[in-house]
Amino acid sequence: MQLDPNLLYTAMDHQQMEVIVAFTTDGKLQKYNFITLQDDKNFYPAYDAAPVMRAAIDNTYPELRRALAPLLGLINEQKMRQLNYNVDVLGFSPAEVARKFLRECSL
């Protein structure tokens, strides 16, 4: 059974739960100042951001790959958590957050 992540965070905040499963990039971790435990058994796979597109799109628009290349390696786990926090907690639109991020990176 899967629970709504919002309910899990609320339960943790009200000390009704001690541990939950969450994405390490979730902005609500920052909102509630929760810590993430180290996955020392490597149970969960890495959750790295990567551009994904159909081969037909890549073949039709090869410039798209070049346009996305500068983003590679810029968004680590902590940066993604901050970007998600700006959307999920502070209420900015994903487009606003993305534009600001790209400006800060001079892209």
C-alpha atoms as a PDB file:
ATOM      1  CA  MET A   1       0.000   0.000   0.000  1.00  0.00           C
ATOM      2  CA  GLN A   2       1.309   3.438  -0.912  1.00  0.00           C
ATOM      3  CA  LEU A   3       0.449   6.523   1.129  1.00  0.00           C
ATOM      4  CA  ASP A   4       0.210  10.125   0.010  1.00  0.00           C
ATOM      5  CA  PRO A   5       3.656  11.674   0.674  1.00  0.00           C
ATOM      6  CA  ASN A   6       1.965  14.770   2.136  1.00  0.00           C
ATOM      7  CA  LEU A   7       0.339  12.592   4.794  1.00  0.00           C
ATOM      8  CA  LEU A   8       3.685  10.992   5.593  1.00  0.00           C
ATOM      9  CA  TYR A   9       5.360  14.358   6.100  1.00  0.00           C
ATOM     10  CA  THR A  10       2.479  15.584   8.253  1.00  0.00           C
ATOM     11  CA  ALA A  11       2.636  12.426  10.374  1.00  0.00           C
ATOM     12  CA  MET A  12       6.394  12.848  10.801  1.00  0.00           C
ATOM     13  CA  ASP A  13       5.969  16.507  11.699  1.00  0.00           C
ATOM     14  CA  HIS A  14       3.382  15.570  14.345  1.00  0.00           C
ATOM     15  CA  GLN A  15       5.657  12.805  15.654  1.00  0.00           C
ATOM     16  CA  GLN A  16       3.186  10.090  14.680  1.00  0.00           C
ATOM     17  CA  MET A  17       5.881   8.350  12.622  1.00  0.00           C
ATOM     18  CA  GLU A  18       9.598   8.045  13.170  1.00  0.00           C
ATOM     19  CA  VAL A  19      10.767   7.058   9.671  1.00  0.00           C
ATOM     20  CA  ILE A  20       9.290   7.358   6.188  1.00  0.00           C
ATOM     21  CA  VAL A  21      10.440   6.539   2.684  1.00  0.00           C
ATOM     22  CA  ALA A  22      10.922   9.691   0.606  1.00  0.00           C
ATOM     23  CA  PHE A  23      12.793  10.927  -2.426  1.00  0.00           C
ATOM     24  CA  THR A  24      16.010  12.659  -1.372  1.00  0.00           C
ATOM     25  CA  THR A  25      15.154  15.418  -3.843  1.00  0.00           C
ATOM     26  CA  ASP A  26      11.823  16.216  -2.171  1.00  0.00           C
ATOM     27  CA  GLY A  27      11.620  19.868  -1.164  1.00  0.00           C
ATOM     28  CA  LYS A  28       9.529  19.019   1.873  1.00  0.00           C
ATOM     29  CA  LEU A  29      12.603  17.498   3.510  1.00  0.00           C
ATOM     30  CA  GLN A  30      13.933  21.033   3.647  1.00  0.00           C
ATOM     31  CA  LYS A  31      10.609  22.485   4.792  1.00  0.00           C
ATOM     32  CA  TYR A  32      10.459  20.216   7.828  1.00  0.00           C
ATOM     33  CA  ASN A  33      14.222  20.103   8.335  1.00  0.00           C
ATOM     34  CA  PHE A  34      14.201  16.286   8.216  1.00  0.00           C
ATOM     35  CA  ILE A  35      17.421  14.400   7.633  1.00  0.00           C
ATOM     36  CA  THR A  36      17.939  11.591   5.163  1.00  0.00           C
ATOM     37  CA  LEU A  37      19.524   8.380   6.297  1.00  0.00           C
ATOM     38  CA  GLN A  38      22.505   6.976   4.418  1.00  0.00           C
ATOM     39  CA  ASP A  39      21.581   4.037   2.191  1.00  0.00           C
ATOM     40  CA  ASP A  40      24.715   2.080   3.135  1.00  0.00           C
ATOM     41  CA  LYS A  41      23.297  -1.126   1.599  1.00  0.00           C
ATOM     42  CA  ASN A  42      22.587   0.580  -1.753  1.00  0.00           C
ATOM     43  CA  PHE A  43      19.015  -0.670  -1.668  1.00  0.00           C
ATOM     44  CA  TYR A  44      17.701   2.244  -3.720  1.00  0.00           C
ATOM     45  CA  PRO A  45      19.125   3.052  -7.156  1.00  0.00           C
ATOM     46  CA  ALA A  46      20.725   6.425  -7.843  1.00  0.00           C
ATOM     47  CA  TYR A  47      18.219   9.121  -8.718  1.00  0.00           C
ATOM     48  CA  ASP A  48      20.214  11.259 -11.122  1.00  0.00           C
ATOM     49  CA  ALA A  49      18.636  13.758 -13.485  1.00  0.00           C
ATOM     50  CA  ALA A  50      19.272  13.047 -17.152  1.00  0.00           C
ATOM     51  CA  PRO A  51      17.770  14.312 -20.392  1.00  0.00           C
ATOM     52  CA  VAL A  52      15.727  11.620 -22.146  1.00  0.00           C
ATOM     53  CA  MET A  53      14.255  11.829 -25.635  1.00  0.00           C
ATOM     54  CA  ARG A  54      13.086   9.592 -28.449  1.00  0.00           C
ATOM     55  CA  ALA A  55      15.678   8.698 -31.064  1.00  0.00           C
ATOM     56  CA  ALA A  56      13.421  10.208 -33.747  1.00  0.00           C
ATOM     57  CA  ILE A  57      13.514  13.571 -31.968  1.00  0.00           C
ATOM     58  CA  ASP A  58      17.270  13.353 -31.568  1.00  0.00           C
ATOM     59  CA  ASN A  59      17.660  12.521 -35.268  1.00  0.00           C
ATOM     60  CA  THR A  60      15.312  15.302 -36.369  1.00  0.00           C
ATOM     61  CA  TYR A  61      16.672  17.975 -34.020  1.00  0.00           C
ATOM     62  CA  PRO A  62      20.355  17.220 -33.311  1.00  0.00           C
ATOM     63  CA  GLU A  63      20.797  20.745 -31.984  1.00  0.00           C
ATOM     64  CA  LEU A  64      18.581  19.801 -29.030  1.00  0.00           C
ATOM     65  CA  ARG A  65      21.264  17.478 -27.661  1.00  0.00           C
ATOM     66  CA  ARG A  66      23.840  20.289 -27.906  1.00  0.00           C
ATOM     67  CA  ALA A  67      21.424  22.718 -26.234  1.00  0.00           C
ATOM     68  CA  LEU A  68      20.885  20.358 -23.279  1.00  0.00           C
ATOM     69  CA  ALA A  69      24.566  19.407 -22.873  1.00  0.00           C
ATOM     70  CA  PRO A  70      25.479  22.378 -20.614  1.00  0.00           C
ATOM     71  CA  LEU A  71      22.938  21.145 -18.040  1.00  0.00           C
ATOM     72  CA  LEU A  72      24.721  17.832 -17.503  1.00  0.00           C
ATOM     73  CA  GLY A  73      26.153  17.648 -14.009  1.00  0.00           C
ATOM     74  CA  LEU A  74      24.624  20.944 -12.823  1.00  0.00           C
ATOM     75  CA  ILE A  75      21.741  19.493 -10.845  1.00  0.00           C
ATOM     76  CA  ASN A  76      22.875  17.410  -7.902  1.00  0.00           C
ATOM     77  CA  GLU A  77      20.618  16.021  -5.187  1.00  0.00           C
ATOM     78  CA  GLN A  78      20.830  19.103  -2.983  1.00  0.00           C
ATOM     79  CA  LYS A  79      20.180  21.510  -5.875  1.00  0.00           C
ATOM     80  CA  MET A  80      17.159  19.476  -7.004  1.00  0.00           C
ATOM     81  CA  ARG A  81      15.803  19.499  -3.437  1.00  0.00           C
ATOM     82  CA  GLN A  82      16.125  23.306  -3.384  1.00  0.00           C
ATOM     83  CA  LEU A  83      14.427  23.671  -6.761  1.00  0.00           C
ATOM     84  CA  ASN A  84      11.589  21.383  -5.633  1.00  0.00           C
ATOM     85  CA  TYR A  85      11.286  23.349  -2.386  1.00  0.00           C
ATOM     86  CA  ASN A  86      10.821  26.541  -4.402  1.00  0.00           C
ATOM     87  CA  VAL A  87       7.919  24.914  -6.264  1.00  0.00           C
ATOM     88  CA  ASP A  88       6.292  22.667  -3.647  1.00  0.00           C
ATOM     89  CA  VAL A  89       6.698  24.834  -0.557  1.00  0.00           C
ATOM     90  CA  LEU A  90       7.209  28.415  -1.696  1.00  0.00           C
ATOM     91  CA  GLY A  91       4.645  28.084  -4.498  1.00  0.00           C
ATOM     92  CA  PHE A  92       6.658  29.295  -7.478  1.00  0.00           C
ATOM     93  CA  SER A  93       5.747  27.742 -10.813  1.00  0.00           C
ATOM     94  CA  PRO A  94       8.118  25.151 -12.276  1.00  0.00           C
ATOM     95  CA  ALA A  95       8.689  27.514 -15.226  1.00  0.00           C
ATOM     96  CA  GLU A  96       9.692  30.386 -12.895  1.00  0.00           C
ATOM     97  CA  VAL A  97      12.084  28.156 -10.950  1.00  0.00           C
ATOM     98  CA  ALA A  98      13.619  26.767 -14.138  1.00  0.00           C
ATOM     99  CA  ARG A  99      14.112  30.244 -15.632  1.00  0.00           C
ATOM    100  CA  LYS A 100      15.778  31.500 -12.456  1.00  0.00           C
ATOM    101  CA  PHE A 101      18.028  28.443 -12.301  1.00  0.00           C
ATOM    102  CA  LEU A 102      19.090  28.862 -15.935  1.00  0.00           C
ATOM    103  CA  ARG A 103      19.829  32.560 -15.374  1.00  0.00           C
ATOM    104  CA  GLU A 104      21.924  31.753 -12.292  1.00  0.00           C
ATOM    105  CA  CYS A 105      23.892  29.250 -14.379  1.00  0.00           C
ATOM    106  CA  SER A 106      24.259  31.815 -17.173  1.00  0.00           C
ATOM    107  CA  LEU A 107      22.453  29.514 -19.621  1.00  0.00           C
END
